[in-house]
């Protein structure tokens, strides 16, 4: 079985399941840990060790979506900047 994913950063965070921040970009390496699955390109880090409780969630998480749009998140802070200059922040 061959599965391919486009090199797009997806702004989804798995806060409730993992108890910490993770980006959907890390799902591909997690799935790739399974036997009989081949990916052409890999970005991110596997979440397997985090799910087993062997490591802690990384902080902060940076997500880029489209040109000049990004979000920087930690457990406590969130900063989002859009290409049109609009900014959002939250504690």
N, C-alpha and C. Protein backbone atom coordinates (compact mmCIF):
# COMPACT_ATOMS: atom_id res chain seq x y z
N UNK A 1 0.85 -1.17 0.00
CA UNK A 1 0.00 0.00 0.00
C UNK A 1 0.89 1.24 0.00
N UNK A 2 0.62 2.19 -0.85
CA UNK A 2 1.36 3.44 -0.90
C UNK A 2 0.40 4.58 -0.60
N UNK A 3 0.76 5.41 0.37
CA UNK A 3 -0.04 6.57 0.74
C UNK A 3 0.83 7.80 0.55
N UNK A 4 0.33 8.81 -0.13
CA UNK A 4 1.08 10.05 -0.27
C UNK A 4 0.28 11.19 0.34
N UNK A 5 0.99 12.16 0.89
CA UNK A 5 0.35 13.35 1.47
C UNK A 5 1.05 14.57 0.90
N UNK A 6 0.29 15.60 0.60
CA UNK A 6 0.89 16.85 0.12
C UNK A 6 1.65 17.52 1.24
N UNK A 7 2.65 18.30 0.88
CA UNK A 7 3.47 19.01 1.87
C UNK A 7 2.77 20.28 2.33
N UNK A 8 1.64 20.14 2.95
CA UNK A 8 0.91 21.27 3.50
C UNK A 8 0.84 21.09 5.00
N UNK A 9 1.06 22.15 5.72
CA UNK A 9 0.93 22.10 7.17
C UNK A 9 -0.53 22.29 7.52
N UNK A 10 -1.08 21.38 8.27
CA UNK A 10 -2.49 21.43 8.64
C UNK A 10 -2.59 21.99 10.04
N UNK A 11 -3.41 23.00 10.22
CA UNK A 11 -3.50 23.68 11.52
C UNK A 11 -4.52 22.98 12.42
N UNK A 12 -4.20 21.77 12.82
CA UNK A 12 -5.04 21.00 13.73
C UNK A 12 -4.18 20.59 14.90
N UNK A 13 -4.69 20.72 16.09
CA UNK A 13 -3.91 20.37 17.27
C UNK A 13 -4.63 19.28 18.05
N UNK A 14 -3.87 18.30 18.50
CA UNK A 14 -4.43 17.14 19.16
C UNK A 14 -4.30 17.29 20.67
N UNK A 15 -4.90 18.32 21.21
CA UNK A 15 -4.74 18.68 22.61
C UNK A 15 -5.39 17.67 23.55
N UNK A 16 -6.63 17.31 23.31
CA UNK A 16 -7.35 16.47 24.26
C UNK A 16 -6.82 15.04 24.30
N UNK A 17 -6.45 14.47 23.16
CA UNK A 17 -6.00 13.08 23.11
C UNK A 17 -4.63 12.90 23.74
N UNK A 18 -3.71 13.82 23.46
CA UNK A 18 -2.34 13.67 23.91
C UNK A 18 -2.03 14.41 25.20
N UNK A 19 -2.91 15.29 25.62
CA UNK A 19 -2.65 16.07 26.82
C UNK A 19 -1.62 17.16 26.60
N UNK A 20 -1.33 17.49 25.36
CA UNK A 20 -0.37 18.53 25.02
C UNK A 20 -0.54 18.91 23.57
N UNK A 21 0.25 19.86 23.12
CA UNK A 21 0.14 20.33 21.73
C UNK A 21 0.90 19.41 20.79
N UNK A 22 0.32 19.19 19.64
CA UNK A 22 0.97 18.46 18.56
C UNK A 22 0.33 18.95 17.27
N UNK A 23 1.08 18.92 16.19
CA UNK A 23 0.49 19.35 14.92
C UNK A 23 0.10 18.13 14.10
N UNK A 24 -0.86 18.31 13.23
CA UNK A 24 -1.30 17.21 12.37
C UNK A 24 -0.17 16.78 11.44
N UNK A 25 0.81 17.63 11.26
CA UNK A 25 1.98 17.29 10.46
C UNK A 25 2.67 16.05 11.04
N UNK A 26 2.53 15.82 12.32
CA UNK A 26 3.15 14.67 12.97
C UNK A 26 2.34 13.38 12.80
N UNK A 27 1.16 13.46 12.22
CA UNK A 27 0.37 12.25 12.00
C UNK A 27 0.99 11.33 10.96
N UNK A 28 1.58 11.89 9.92
CA UNK A 28 2.17 11.06 8.87
C UNK A 28 3.27 10.17 9.42
N UNK A 29 4.26 10.69 10.19
CA UNK A 29 5.26 9.78 10.75
C UNK A 29 4.65 8.77 11.72
N UNK A 30 3.61 9.15 12.42
CA UNK A 30 2.93 8.23 13.33
C UNK A 30 2.34 7.06 12.55
N UNK A 31 1.67 7.35 11.45
CA UNK A 31 1.10 6.29 10.62
C UNK A 31 2.21 5.48 9.97
N UNK A 32 3.29 6.15 9.59
CA UNK A 32 4.40 5.46 8.93
C UNK A 32 5.07 4.45 9.85
N UNK A 33 4.92 4.58 11.16
CA UNK A 33 5.45 3.60 12.10
C UNK A 33 4.78 2.24 11.93
N UNK A 34 3.62 2.21 11.29
CA UNK A 34 2.88 0.97 11.09
C UNK A 34 3.53 0.18 9.96
N UNK A 35 3.54 -1.16 10.05
CA UNK A 35 4.13 -1.97 8.98
C UNK A 35 3.30 -1.90 7.70
N UNK A 36 3.94 -2.14 6.58
CA UNK A 36 3.30 -2.23 5.26
C UNK A 36 2.74 -0.91 4.75
N UNK A 37 3.16 0.21 5.30
CA UNK A 37 2.74 1.51 4.79
C UNK A 37 3.99 2.28 4.39
N UNK A 38 4.04 2.75 3.17
CA UNK A 38 5.19 3.48 2.65
C UNK A 38 4.77 4.90 2.30
N UNK A 39 5.50 5.88 2.80
CA UNK A 39 5.27 7.28 2.46
C UNK A 39 6.43 7.77 1.61
N UNK A 40 6.13 8.61 0.67
CA UNK A 40 7.17 9.16 -0.20
C UNK A 40 7.96 10.24 0.54
N UNK A 41 7.29 11.14 1.22
CA UNK A 41 7.96 12.20 1.97
C UNK A 41 7.45 12.20 3.41
N UNK A 42 8.31 12.63 4.31
CA UNK A 42 7.93 12.65 5.72
C UNK A 42 8.33 13.99 6.32
N UNK A 43 7.40 14.67 6.95
CA UNK A 43 7.67 15.88 7.72
C UNK A 43 7.06 15.67 9.09
N UNK A 44 7.61 16.32 10.10
CA UNK A 44 7.09 16.16 11.46
C UNK A 44 7.80 15.03 12.19
N UNK A 45 7.32 14.74 13.38
CA UNK A 45 7.91 13.69 14.22
C UNK A 45 6.81 12.73 14.62
N UNK A 46 7.17 11.46 14.78
CA UNK A 46 6.19 10.46 15.20
C UNK A 46 5.67 10.79 16.59
N UNK A 47 4.39 10.54 16.81
CA UNK A 47 3.76 10.78 18.11
C UNK A 47 3.76 9.52 18.98
N UNK A 48 4.34 8.42 18.49
CA UNK A 48 4.29 7.15 19.21
C UNK A 48 4.87 7.26 20.62
N UNK A 49 6.06 7.86 20.77
CA UNK A 49 6.68 7.99 22.10
C UNK A 49 5.84 8.87 23.02
N UNK A 50 5.23 9.91 22.47
CA UNK A 50 4.37 10.79 23.26
C UNK A 50 3.13 10.04 23.74
N UNK A 51 2.56 9.22 22.87
CA UNK A 51 1.36 8.47 23.23
C UNK A 51 1.66 7.39 24.27
N UNK A 52 2.89 6.86 24.25
CA UNK A 52 3.29 5.86 25.26
C UNK A 52 3.73 6.51 26.56
N UNK A 53 3.79 7.85 26.60
CA UNK A 53 4.20 8.55 27.81
C UNK A 53 5.71 8.56 28.03
N UNK A 54 6.48 8.29 26.99
CA UNK A 54 7.94 8.24 27.09
C UNK A 54 8.59 9.60 26.88
N UNK A 55 7.85 10.56 26.40
CA UNK A 55 8.37 11.89 26.16
C UNK A 55 7.26 12.91 26.38
N UNK A 56 7.63 14.18 26.46
CA UNK A 56 6.65 15.24 26.66
C UNK A 56 6.35 15.94 25.34
N UNK A 57 5.19 16.58 25.28
CA UNK A 57 4.82 17.33 24.08
C UNK A 57 5.78 18.49 23.88
N UNK A 58 6.06 18.78 22.62
CA UNK A 58 6.97 19.89 22.32
C UNK A 58 6.22 21.20 22.39
N UNK A 59 6.93 22.25 22.70
CA UNK A 59 6.35 23.59 22.71
C UNK A 59 7.38 24.56 22.19
N UNK A 60 7.02 25.59 21.56
CA UNK A 60 5.70 25.87 21.00
C UNK A 60 5.52 25.12 19.68
N UNK A 61 4.32 25.14 19.14
CA UNK A 61 4.01 24.54 17.85
C UNK A 61 3.77 25.67 16.86
N UNK A 62 4.46 25.63 15.73
CA UNK A 62 4.31 26.63 14.67
C UNK A 62 3.58 25.99 13.50
N UNK A 63 2.51 26.59 13.04
CA UNK A 63 1.78 26.12 11.86
C UNK A 63 1.78 27.24 10.83
N UNK A 64 2.08 26.87 9.59
CA UNK A 64 2.08 27.83 8.49
C UNK A 64 1.02 27.37 7.50
N UNK A 65 0.14 28.28 7.11
CA UNK A 65 -0.92 27.92 6.18
C UNK A 65 -1.02 29.01 5.13
N UNK A 66 -0.57 28.68 3.94
CA UNK A 66 -0.56 29.66 2.86
C UNK A 66 0.55 30.68 3.05
N UNK A 67 0.71 31.57 2.08
CA UNK A 67 1.75 32.59 2.21
C UNK A 67 1.41 33.61 3.30
N UNK A 68 2.34 33.84 4.19
CA UNK A 68 2.24 34.88 5.23
C UNK A 68 1.12 34.67 6.24
N UNK A 69 0.66 33.45 6.42
CA UNK A 69 -0.32 33.12 7.46
C UNK A 69 0.35 32.12 8.40
N UNK A 70 0.35 32.41 9.69
CA UNK A 70 0.93 31.44 10.61
C UNK A 70 0.29 31.55 11.99
N UNK A 71 0.45 30.48 12.76
CA UNK A 71 -0.01 30.44 14.14
C UNK A 71 1.12 29.87 14.99
N UNK A 72 1.38 30.51 16.11
CA UNK A 72 2.38 30.04 17.07
C UNK A 72 1.64 29.77 18.37
N UNK A 73 1.68 28.53 18.84
CA UNK A 73 0.89 28.14 20.01
C UNK A 73 1.74 27.43 21.05
N UNK A 74 1.39 27.67 22.29
CA UNK A 74 1.94 26.92 23.42
C UNK A 74 0.76 26.55 24.31
N UNK A 75 1.02 25.89 25.42
CA UNK A 75 -0.07 25.55 26.33
C UNK A 75 -0.77 26.81 26.83
N UNK A 76 -0.01 27.89 27.01
CA UNK A 76 -0.57 29.10 27.61
C UNK A 76 -0.92 30.20 26.60
N UNK A 77 -0.18 30.29 25.49
CA UNK A 77 -0.33 31.41 24.56
C UNK A 77 -0.72 30.93 23.17
N UNK A 78 -1.37 31.84 22.43
CA UNK A 78 -1.69 31.60 21.03
C UNK A 78 -1.52 32.93 20.30
N UNK A 79 -0.75 32.92 19.21
CA UNK A 79 -0.58 34.12 18.38
C UNK A 79 -0.81 33.71 16.93
N UNK A 80 -1.73 34.39 16.27
CA UNK A 80 -2.05 34.08 14.88
C UNK A 80 -1.89 35.35 14.06
N UNK A 81 -1.21 35.24 12.93
CA UNK A 81 -1.03 36.39 12.03
C UNK A 81 -1.48 35.96 10.64
N UNK A 82 -2.34 36.79 10.06
CA UNK A 82 -2.87 36.52 8.72
C UNK A 82 -2.17 37.39 7.70
N UNK A 83 -2.21 36.98 6.44
CA UNK A 83 -1.53 37.70 5.36
C UNK A 83 -2.03 39.14 5.22
N UNK A 84 -3.28 39.40 5.58
CA UNK A 84 -3.82 40.76 5.46
C UNK A 84 -3.39 41.66 6.62
N UNK A 85 -2.55 41.15 7.53
CA UNK A 85 -2.05 41.95 8.64
C UNK A 85 -2.83 41.79 9.93
N UNK A 86 -4.00 41.14 9.87
CA UNK A 86 -4.81 40.93 11.07
C UNK A 86 -4.08 40.00 12.03
N UNK A 87 -4.09 40.35 13.31
CA UNK A 87 -3.40 39.56 14.34
C UNK A 87 -4.38 39.21 15.45
N UNK A 88 -4.22 38.03 16.02
CA UNK A 88 -5.01 37.60 17.16
C UNK A 88 -4.06 37.02 18.20
N UNK A 89 -4.33 37.30 19.46
CA UNK A 89 -3.56 36.72 20.55
C UNK A 89 -4.48 36.30 21.66
N UNK A 90 -4.07 35.32 22.44
CA UNK A 90 -4.92 34.83 23.52
C UNK A 90 -4.05 34.17 24.58
N UNK A 91 -4.45 34.35 25.84
CA UNK A 91 -3.77 33.66 26.94
C UNK A 91 -4.62 32.47 27.32
